[in-house]
PDB file of N, CA and C in Angstrom:
ATOM      1  N   MET A   1      82.321 117.829 102.528  1.00  0.00           N
ATOM      2  CA  MET A   1      83.239 117.249 103.476  1.00  0.00           C
ATOM      3  C   MET A   1      84.235 118.334 103.871  1.00  0.00           C
ATOM      4  N   SER A   2      84.356 118.601 105.155  1.00  0.00           N
ATOM      5  CA  SER A   2      85.282 119.623 105.618  1.00  0.00           C
ATOM      6  C   SER A   2      86.635 118.991 105.937  1.00  0.00           C
ATOM      7  N   VAL A   3      87.672 119.737 105.635  1.00  0.00           N
ATOM      8  CA  VAL A   3      89.034 119.259 105.870  1.00  0.00           C
ATOM      9  C   VAL A   3      89.607 120.035 107.045  1.00  0.00           C
ATOM     10  N   ARG A   4      90.095 119.293 108.028  1.00  0.00           N
ATOM     11  CA  ARG A   4      90.685 119.913 109.210  1.00  0.00           C
ATOM     12  C   ARG A   4      92.197 119.941 109.080  1.00  0.00           C
ATOM     13  N   GLY A   5      92.833 120.665 109.960  1.00  0.00           N
ATOM     14  CA  GLY A   5      94.289 120.751 109.943  1.00  0.00           C
ATOM     15  C   GLY A   5      94.962 119.408 110.171  1.00  0.00           C
ATOM     16  N   SER A   6      94.369 118.591 111.044  1.00  0.00           N
ATOM     17  CA  SER A   6      94.960 117.276 111.306  1.00  0.00           C
ATOM     18  C   SER A   6      94.879 116.375 110.071  1.00  0.00           C
ATOM     19  N   ASP A   7      93.845 116.574 109.256  1.00  0.00           N
ATOM     20  CA  ASP A   7      93.735 115.795 108.016  1.00  0.00           C
ATOM     21  C   ASP A   7      94.821 116.205 107.020  1.00  0.00           C
ATOM     22  N   ILE A   8      95.109 117.486 106.968  1.00  0.00           N
ATOM     23  CA  ILE A   8      96.162 117.964 106.068  1.00  0.00           C
ATOM     24  C   ILE A   8      97.514 117.422 106.504  1.00  0.00           C
ATOM     25  N   ILE A   9      97.758 117.418 107.806  1.00  0.00           N
ATOM     26  CA  ILE A   9      99.016 116.865 108.319  1.00  0.00           C
ATOM     27  C   ILE A   9      99.106 115.378 108.010  1.00  0.00           C
ATOM     28  N   ALA A  10      98.000 114.652 108.161  1.00  0.00           N
ATOM     29  CA  ALA A  10      98.001 113.221 107.862  1.00  0.00           C
ATOM     30  C   ALA A  10      98.290 112.973 106.383  1.00  0.00           C
ATOM     31  N   VAL A  11      97.744 113.793 105.496  1.00  0.00           N
ATOM     32  CA  VAL A  11      98.001 113.639 104.060  1.00  0.00           C
ATOM     33  C   VAL A  11      99.475 113.921 103.759  1.00  0.00           C
ATOM     34  N   LEU A  12     100.031 114.969 104.354  1.00  0.00           N
ATOM     35  CA  LEU A  12     101.444 115.265 104.129  1.00  0.00           C
ATOM     36  C   LEU A  12     102.340 114.141 104.639  1.00  0.00           C
ATOM     37  N   LEU A  13     102.000 113.601 105.807  1.00  0.00           N
ATOM     38  CA  LEU A  13     102.768 112.477 106.334  1.00  0.00           C
ATOM     39  C   LEU A  13     102.613 111.238 105.456  1.00  0.00           C
ATOM     40  N   ALA A  14     101.419 111.041 104.909  1.00  0.00           N
ATOM     41  CA  ALA A  14     101.191 109.900 104.026  1.00  0.00           C
ATOM     42  C   ALA A  14     102.036 110.023 102.765  1.00  0.00           C
ATOM     43  N   LEU A  15     102.262 111.232 102.307  1.00  0.00           N
ATOM     44  CA  LEU A  15     103.106 111.423 101.136  1.00  0.00           C
ATOM     45  C   LEU A  15     104.579 111.178 101.453  1.00  0.00           C
ATOM     46  N   LEU A  16     105.013 111.588 102.643  1.00  0.00           N
ATOM     47  CA  LEU A  16     106.422 111.449 102.998  1.00  0.00           C
ATOM     48  C   LEU A  16     106.758 110.047 103.499  1.00  0.00           C
ATOM     49  N   PHE A  17     106.006 109.569 104.480  1.00  0.00           N
ATOM     50  CA  PHE A  17     106.251 108.245 105.060  1.00  0.00           C
ATOM     51  C   PHE A  17     104.911 107.672 105.522  1.00  0.00           C
ATOM     52  N   PRO A  18     104.274 106.868 104.690  1.00  0.00           N
ATOM     53  CA  PRO A  18     102.917 106.399 104.956  1.00  0.00           C
ATOM     54  C   PRO A  18     102.690 105.704 106.307  1.00  0.00           C
ATOM     55  N   PRO A  19     103.618 104.877 106.816  1.00  0.00           N
ATOM     56  CA  PRO A  19     103.340 104.236 108.109  1.00  0.00           C
ATOM     57  C   PRO A  19     103.146 105.217 109.267  1.00  0.00           C
ATOM     58  N   VAL A  20     103.776 106.376 109.209  1.00  0.00           N
ATOM     59  CA  VAL A  20     103.589 107.362 110.278  1.00  0.00           C
ATOM     60  C   VAL A  20     102.152 107.887 110.259  1.00  0.00           C
ATOM     61  N   ALA A  21     101.628 108.157 109.083  1.00  0.00           N
ATOM     62  CA  ALA A  21     100.245 108.635 108.969  1.00  0.00           C
ATOM     63  C   ALA A  21      99.276 107.564 109.465  1.00  0.00           C
ATOM     64  N   VAL A  22      99.540 106.307 109.103  1.00  0.00           N
ATOM     65  CA  VAL A  22      98.660 105.221 109.537  1.00  0.00           C
ATOM     66  C   VAL A  22      98.751 105.043 111.047  1.00  0.00           C
ATOM     67  N   ALA A  23      99.933 105.205 111.624  1.00  0.00           N
ATOM     68  CA  ALA A  23     100.075 105.091 113.078  1.00  0.00           C
ATOM     69  C   ALA A  23      99.275 106.171 113.796  1.00  0.00           C
ATOM     70  N   LEU A  24      99.207 107.370 113.220  1.00  0.00           N
ATOM     71  CA  LEU A  24      98.415 108.436 113.835  1.00  0.00           C
ATOM     72  C   LEU A  24      96.916 108.143 113.758  1.00  0.00           C
ATOM     73  N   ILE A  25      96.495 107.481 112.699  1.00  0.00           N
ATOM     74  CA  ILE A  25      95.071 107.210 112.508  1.00  0.00           C
ATOM     75  C   ILE A  25      94.641 105.942 113.231  1.00  0.00           C
ATOM     76  N   ALA A  26      95.384 104.857 113.015  1.00  0.00           N
ATOM     77  CA  ALA A  26      94.959 103.541 113.498  1.00  0.00           C
ATOM     78  C   ALA A  26      95.697 103.083 114.744  1.00  0.00           C
ATOM     79  N   GLY A  27      96.731 103.777 115.138  1.00  0.00           N
ATOM     80  CA  GLY A  27      97.514 103.336 116.280  1.00  0.00           C
ATOM     81  C   GLY A  27      98.339 102.114 115.913  1.00  0.00           C
ATOM     82  N   CYS A  28      98.768 101.397 116.918  1.00  0.00           N
ATOM     83  CA  CYS A  28      99.568 100.199 116.686  1.00  0.00           C
ATOM     84  C   CYS A  28      98.609  99.032 116.447  1.00  0.00           C
ATOM     85  N   SER A  29      98.263  98.826 115.195  1.00  0.00           N
ATOM     86  CA  SER A  29      97.280  97.804 114.845  1.00  0.00           C
ATOM     87  C   SER A  29      97.754  97.036 113.622  1.00  0.00           C
ATOM     88  N   CYS A  30      96.918  96.130 113.176  1.00  0.00           N
ATOM     89  CA  CYS A  30      97.227  95.364 111.962  1.00  0.00           C
ATOM     90  C   CYS A  30      97.356  96.289 110.755  1.00  0.00           C
ATOM     91  N   ASP A  31      96.607  97.364 110.739  1.00  0.00           N
ATOM     92  CA  ASP A  31      96.694  98.303 109.621  1.00  0.00           C
ATOM     93  C   ASP A  31      98.091  98.907 109.516  1.00  0.00           C
ATOM     94  N   LEU A  32      98.730  99.135 110.655  1.00  0.00           N
ATOM     95  CA  LEU A  32     100.089  99.660 110.633  1.00  0.00           C
ATOM     96  C   LEU A  32     101.041  98.637 110.036  1.00  0.00           C
ATOM     97  N   LEU A  33     100.910  97.380 110.422  1.00  0.00           N
ATOM     98  CA  LEU A  33     101.755  96.332 109.870  1.00  0.00           C
ATOM     99  C   LEU A  33     101.520  96.165 108.370  1.00  0.00           C
ATOM    100  N   ILE A  34     100.262  96.164 107.977  1.00  0.00           N
ATOM    101  CA  ILE A  34      99.928  96.041 106.553  1.00  0.00           C
ATOM    102  C   ILE A  34     100.536  97.203 105.770  1.00  0.00           C
ATOM    103  N   ASN A  35     100.402  98.410 106.315  1.00  0.00           N
ATOM    104  CA  ASN A  35     100.933  99.568 105.606  1.00  0.00           C
ATOM    105  C   ASN A  35     102.451  99.522 105.536  1.00  0.00           C
ATOM    106  N   PHE A  36     103.081  99.079 106.595  1.00  0.00           N
ATOM    107  CA  PHE A  36     104.541  98.972 106.572  1.00  0.00           C
ATOM    108  C   PHE A  36     104.993  97.987 105.499  1.00  0.00           C
ATOM    109  N   LEU A  37     104.313  96.844 105.408  1.00  0.00           N
ATOM    110  CA  LEU A  37     104.662  95.852 104.391  1.00  0.00           C
ATOM    111  C   LEU A  37     104.374  96.377 102.982  1.00  0.00           C
ATOM    112  N   LEU A  38     103.258  97.076 102.817  1.00  0.00           N
ATOM    113  CA  LEU A  38     102.956  97.665 101.510  1.00  0.00           C
ATOM    114  C   LEU A  38     103.996  98.712 101.121  1.00  0.00           C
ATOM    115  N   THR A  39     104.459  99.480 102.108  1.00  0.00           N
ATOM    116  CA  THR A  39     105.475 100.493 101.828  1.00  0.00           C
ATOM    117  C   THR A  39     106.800  99.836 101.456  1.00  0.00           C
ATOM    118  N   LEU A  40     107.101  98.685 102.071  1.00  0.00           N
ATOM    119  CA  LEU A  40     108.308  97.960 101.680  1.00  0.00           C
ATOM    120  C   LEU A  40     108.217  97.447 100.244  1.00  0.00           C
ATOM    121  N   LEU A  41     107.005  97.083  99.818  1.00  0.00           N
ATOM    122  CA  LEU A  41     106.804  96.640  98.438  1.00  0.00           C
ATOM    123  C   LEU A  41     106.949  97.784  97.449  1.00  0.00           C
ATOM    124  N   GLY A  42     106.645  98.960  97.901  1.00  0.00           N
ATOM    125  CA  GLY A  42     106.741 100.141  97.041  1.00  0.00           C
ATOM    126  C   GLY A  42     106.068 101.312  97.714  1.00  0.00           C
ATOM    127  N   TRP A  43     106.525 102.484  97.398  1.00  0.00           N
ATOM    128  CA  TRP A  43     105.997 103.681  98.029  1.00  0.00           C
ATOM    129  C   TRP A  43     104.531 103.901  97.674  1.00  0.00           C
ATOM    130  N   ILE A  44     104.156 103.625  96.431  1.00  0.00           N
ATOM    131  CA  ILE A  44     102.784 103.892  95.971  1.00  0.00           C
ATOM    132  C   ILE A  44     101.748 103.023  96.688  1.00  0.00           C
ATOM    133  N   PRO A  45     101.938 101.705  96.846  1.00  0.00           N
ATOM    134  CA  PRO A  45     100.924 100.921  97.569  1.00  0.00           C
ATOM    135  C   PRO A  45     100.729 101.386  99.015  1.00  0.00           C
ATOM    136  N   GLY A  46     101.825 101.719  99.689  1.00  0.00           N
ATOM    137  CA  GLY A  46     101.714 102.203 101.061  1.00  0.00           C
ATOM    138  C   GLY A  46     100.997 103.535 101.147  1.00  0.00           C
ATOM    139  N   THR A  47     101.279 104.415 100.191  1.00  0.00           N
ATOM    140  CA  THR A  47     100.629 105.723 100.170  1.00  0.00           C
ATOM    141  C   THR A  47      99.138 105.595  99.866  1.00  0.00           C
ATOM    142  N   LEU A  48      98.789 104.737  98.924  1.00  0.00           N
ATOM    143  CA  LEU A  48      97.369 104.530  98.611  1.00  0.00           C
ATOM    144  C   LEU A  48      96.611 103.969  99.812  1.00  0.00           C
ATOM    145  N   HIS A  49      97.210 103.043 100.526  1.00  0.00           N
ATOM    146  CA  HIS A  49      96.570 102.483 101.723  1.00  0.00           C
ATOM    147  C   HIS A  49      96.386 103.565 102.780  1.00  0.00           C
ATOM    148  N   ALA A  50      97.398 104.404 102.982  1.00  0.00           N
ATOM    149  CA  ALA A  50      97.296 105.492 103.960  1.00  0.00           C
ATOM    150  C   ALA A  50      96.202 106.479 103.550  1.00  0.00           C
ATOM    151  N   PHE A  51      96.133 106.825 102.253  1.00  0.00           N
ATOM    152  CA  PHE A  51      95.088 107.730 101.784  1.00  0.00           C
ATOM    153  C   PHE A  51      93.701 107.131 102.004  1.00  0.00           C
ATOM    154  N   TRP A  52      93.566 105.827 101.791  1.00  0.00           N
ATOM    155  CA  TRP A  52      92.277 105.163 102.002  1.00  0.00           C
ATOM    156  C   TRP A  52      91.858 105.264 103.471  1.00  0.00           C
ATOM    157  N   LEU A  53      92.803 105.047 104.392  1.00  0.00           N
ATOM    158  CA  LEU A  53      92.475 105.150 105.815  1.00  0.00           C
ATOM    159  C   LEU A  53      92.136 106.586 106.204  1.00  0.00           C
ATOM    160  N   ILE A  54      92.826 107.554 105.639  1.00  0.00           N
ATOM    161  CA  ILE A  54      92.519 108.957 105.911  1.00  0.00           C
ATOM    162  C   ILE A  54      91.117 109.291 105.403  1.00  0.00           C
ATOM    163  N   TYR A  55      90.785 108.816 104.219  1.00  0.00           N
ATOM    164  CA  TYR A  55      89.452 109.049 103.660  1.00  0.00           C
ATOM    165  C   TYR A  55      88.369 108.442 104.552  1.00  0.00           C
ATOM    166  N   LYS A  56      88.587 107.204 105.028  1.00  0.00           N
ATOM    167  CA  LYS A  56      87.600 106.559 105.893  1.00  0.00           C
ATOM    168  C   LYS A  56      87.427 107.324 107.204  1.00  0.00           C
ATOM    169  N   LYS A  57      88.524 107.884 107.740  1.00  0.00           N
ATOM    170  CA  LYS A  57      88.443 108.672 108.972  1.00  0.00           C
ATOM    171  C   LYS A  57      87.655 109.957 108.726  1.00  0.00           C
ATOM    172  N   MET A  58      87.889 110.604 107.591  1.00  0.00           N
ATOM    173  CA  MET A  58      87.153 111.824 107.278  1.00  0.00           C
ATOM    174  C   MET A  58      85.667 111.534 107.114  1.00  0.00           C
ATOM    175  N   ARG A  59      85.334 110.396 106.512  1.00  0.00           N
ATOM    176  CA  ARG A  59      83.925 110.003 106.371  1.00  0.00           C
ATOM    177  C   ARG A  59      83.290 109.756 107.740  1.00  0.00           C
ATOM    178  N   ALA A  60      84.028 109.131 108.657  1.00  0.00           N
ATOM    179  CA  ALA A  60      83.499 108.877 109.998  1.00  0.00           C
ATOM    180  C   ALA A  60      83.272 110.186 110.740  1.00  0.00           C
ATOM    181  N   GLU A  61      84.180 111.159 110.580  1.00  0.00           N
ATOM    182  CA  GLU A  61      83.989 112.469 111.202  1.00  0.00           C
ATOM    183  C   GLU A  61      82.751 113.151 110.648  1.00  0.00           C
ATOM    184  N   GLU A  62      82.519 112.989 109.357  1.00  0.00           N
ATOM    185  CA  GLU A  62      81.347 113.589 108.734  1.00  0.00           C
ATOM    186  C   GLU A  62      80.061 112.922 109.215  1.00  0.00           C
ATOM    187  N   GLN A  63      80.097 111.610 109.375  1.00  0.00           N
ATOM    188  CA  GLN A  63      78.895 110.862 109.742  1.00  0.00           C
ATOM    189  C   GLN A  63      78.574 110.959 111.229  1.00  0.00           C
ATOM    190  N   TYR A  64      79.584 110.817 112.089  1.00  0.00           N
ATOM    191  CA  TYR A  64      79.345 110.745 113.533  1.00  0.00           C
ATOM    192  C   TYR A  64      79.713 112.010 114.283  1.00  0.00           C
ATOM    193  N   GLY A  65      80.369 112.941 113.635  1.00  0.00           N
ATOM    194  CA  GLY A  65      80.813 114.152 114.308  1.00  0.00           C
ATOM    195  C   GLY A  65      82.182 113.938 114.927  1.00  0.00           C
ATOM    196  N   GLU A  66      82.831 115.025 115.251  1.00  0.00           N
ATOM    197  CA  GLU A  66      84.174 114.943 115.799  1.00  0.00           C
ATOM    198  C   GLU A  66      84.149 114.287 117.177  1.00  0.00           C
ATOM    199  N   GLY A  67      84.901 113.238 117.345  1.00  0.00           N
ATOM    200  CA  GLY A  67      84.958 112.530 118.625  1.00  0.00           C
ATOM    201  C   GLY A  67      83.793 111.593 118.861  1.00  0.00           C
ATOM    202  N   GLY A  68      82.899 111.449 117.913  1.00  0.00           N
ATOM    203  CA  GLY A  68      81.731 110.602 118.086  1.00  0.00           C
ATOM    204  C   GLY A  68      81.906 109.201 117.533  1.00  0.00           C
ATOM    205  N   PHE A  69      83.137 108.772 117.354  1.00  0.00           N
ATOM    206  CA  PHE A  69      83.385 107.457 116.773  1.00  0.00           C
ATOM    207  C   PHE A  69      84.673 106.881 117.338  1.00  0.00           C
ATOM    208  N   ARG A  70      84.837 105.573 117.157  1.00  0.00           N
ATOM    209  CA  ARG A  70      86.095 104.948 117.524  1.00  0.00           C
ATOM    210  C   ARG A  70      86.490 103.980 116.423  1.00  0.00           C
ATOM    211  N   TYR A  71      87.773 103.804 116.267  1.00  0.00           N
ATOM    212  CA  TYR A  71      88.314 102.956 115.213  1.00  0.00           C
ATOM    213  C   TYR A  71      88.258 101.503 115.671  1.00  0.00           C
ATOM    214  N   VAL A  72      87.684 100.641 114.842  1.00  0.00           N
ATOM    215  CA  VAL A  72      87.579  99.223 115.203  1.00  0.00           C
ATOM    216  C   VAL A  72      88.440  98.341 114.311  1.00  0.00           C
ATOM    217  N   GLY A  73      89.155  98.927 113.378  1.00  0.00           N
ATOM    218  CA  GLY A  73      90.056  98.161 112.528  1.00  0.00           C
ATOM    219  C   GLY A  73      89.542  98.028 111.114  1.00  0.00           C
ATOM    220  N   ASN A  74      90.458  97.710 110.213  1.00  0.00           N
ATOM    221  CA  ASN A  74      90.149  97.481 108.817  1.00  0.00           C
ATOM    222  C   ASN A  74      89.434  98.668 108.164  1.00  0.00           C
ATOM    223  N   GLY A  75      89.778  99.868 108.607  1.00  0.00           N
ATOM    224  CA  GLY A  75      89.190 101.059 108.010  1.00  0.00           C
ATOM    225  C   GLY A  75      87.743 101.305 108.394  1.00  0.00           C
ATOM    226  N   THR A  76      87.258 100.658 109.448  1.00  0.00           N
ATOM    227  CA  THR A  76      85.868 100.839 109.866  1.00  0.00           C
ATOM    228  C   THR A  76      85.811 101.542 111.220  1.00  0.00           C
ATOM    229  N   TYR A  77      84.744 102.275 111.390  1.00  0.00           N
ATOM    230  CA  TYR A  77      84.517 103.042 112.616  1.00  0.00           C
ATOM    231  C   TYR A  77      83.123 102.720 113.130  1.00  0.00           C
ATOM    232  N   GLU A  78      82.955 102.857 114.436  1.00  0.00           N
ATOM    233  CA  GLU A  78      81.632 102.688 115.026  1.00  0.00           C
ATOM    234  C   GLU A  78      81.344 103.889 115.912  1.00  0.00           C
ATOM    235  N   PRO A  79      80.063 104.219 116.058  1.00  0.00           N
ATOM    236  CA  PRO A  79      79.720 105.402 116.863  1.00  0.00           C
ATOM    237  C   PRO A  79      79.965 105.153 118.343  1.00  0.00           C
ATOM    238  N   VAL A  80      80.271 106.210 119.037  1.00  0.00           N
ATOM    239  CA  VAL A  80      80.412 106.187 120.489  1.00  0.00           C
ATOM    240  C   VAL A  80      79.315 107.088 121.026  1.00  0.00           C
ATOM    241  N   TYR A  81      78.463 106.513 121.840  1.00  0.00           N
ATOM    242  CA  TYR A  81      77.363 107.292 122.402  1.00  0.00           C
ATOM    243  C   TYR A  81      77.737 107.730 123.799  1.00  0.00           C
ATOM    244  N   HIS A  82      77.644 109.029 124.041  1.00  0.00           N
ATOM    245  CA  HIS A  82      78.022 109.601 125.320  1.00  0.00           C
ATOM    246  C   HIS A  82      76.801 109.877 126.197  1.00  0.00           C
ATOM    247  N   THR A  83      75.828 109.015 126.149  1.00  0.00           N
ATOM    248  CA  THR A  83      74.641 109.232 126.960  1.00  0.00           C
ATOM    249  C   THR A  83      74.771 108.439 128.247  1.00  0.00           C
ATOM    250  N   GLN A  84      74.293 109.022 129.312  1.00  0.00           N
ATOM    251  CA  GLN A  84      74.311 108.351 130.599  1.00  0.00           C
ATOM    252  C   GLN A  84      72.978 107.659 130.792  1.00  0.00           C
ATOM    253  N   GLN A  85      73.033 106.377 131.021  1.00  0.00           N
ATOM    254  CA  GLN A  85      71.814 105.641 131.274  1.00  0.00           C
ATOM    255  C   GLN A  85      71.623 105.518 132.790  1.00  0.00           C
ATOM    256  N   PRO A  86      70.376 105.593 133.242  1.00  0.00           N
ATOM    257  CA  PRO A  86      70.151 105.512 134.686  1.00  0.00           C
ATOM    258  C   PRO A  86      70.555 104.137 135.214  1.00  0.00           C
ATOM    259  N   VAL A  87      71.122 104.165 136.418  1.00  0.00           N
ATOM    260  CA  VAL A  87      71.534 102.923 137.058  1.00  0.00           C
ATOM    261  C   VAL A  87      70.310 102.283 137.675  1.00  0.00           C
ATOM    262  N   GLN A  88      70.081 101.028 137.344  1.00  0.00           N
ATOM    263  CA  GLN A  88      68.934 100.318 137.882  1.00  0.00           C
ATOM    264  C   GLN A  88      69.394  99.317 138.913  1.00  0.00           C
ATOM    265  N   ALA A  89      68.619  99.210 139.966  1.00  0.00           N
ATOM    266  CA  ALA A  89      68.928  98.222 141.002  1.00  0.00           C
ATOM    267  C   ALA A  89      68.661  96.834 140.452  1.00  0.00           C
ATOM    268  N   PRO A  90      69.514  95.886 140.808  1.00  0.00           N
ATOM    269  CA  PRO A  90      69.279  94.522 140.314  1.00  0.00           C
ATOM    270  C   PRO A  90      68.011  93.933 140.901  1.00  0.00           C
ATOM    271  N   ASN A  91      67.340  93.142 140.103  1.00  0.00           N
ATOM    272  CA  ASN A  91      66.103  92.486 140.536  1.00  0.00           C
ATOM    273  C   ASN A  91      66.447  91.069 140.976  1.00  0.00           C
ATOM    274  N   TYR A  92      66.925  90.945 142.185  1.00  0.00           N
ATOM    275  CA  TYR A  92      67.312  89.636 142.702  1.00  0.00           C
ATOM    276  C   TYR A  92      66.088  88.791 142.970  1.00  0.00           C
ATOM    277  N   GLY A  93      65.819  87.843 142.112  1.00  0.00           N
ATOM    278  CA  GLY A  93      64.720  86.906 142.312  1.00  0.00           C
ATOM    279  C   GLY A  93      63.335  87.464 142.090  1.00  0.00           C
ATOM    280  N   SER A  94      63.203  88.719 141.715  1.00  0.00           N
ATOM    281  CA  SER A  94      61.880  89.273 141.502  1.00  0.00           C
ATOM    282  C   SER A  94      61.430  89.050 140.069  1.00  0.00           C
ATOM    283  N   THR A  95      60.152  89.135 139.856  1.00  0.00           N
ATOM    284  CA  THR A  95      59.609  88.936 138.522  1.00  0.00           C
ATOM    285  C   THR A  95      59.211  90.247 137.870  1.00  0.00           C
ATOM    286  N   ALA A  96      59.345  91.331 138.565  1.00  0.00           N
ATOM    287  CA  ALA A  96      58.936  92.629 138.027  1.00  0.00           C
ATOM    288  C   ALA A  96      60.019  93.268 137.230  1.00  0.00           C
TER     289      ALA A  96
END
């Protein structure tokens, strides 16, 4: 697993203030709210949640390649296919 500079920054932010790291990874989502509440409960739960999201992002980069995935929530990613499919004319009433 290769570590990029953005991953190192995310880990450092997760150590200092976990919701900022989660906001960079997940954007304004339920994960950010969950992490904020976990951080209010204690620094360690929020940091562990942020580390888990960073780990899942690194796994997605390894599996799909850089930029080949999108975040769908709850620490899960799905592939993004950049292939162009040919445009087909609609078959209005035809059987072919």
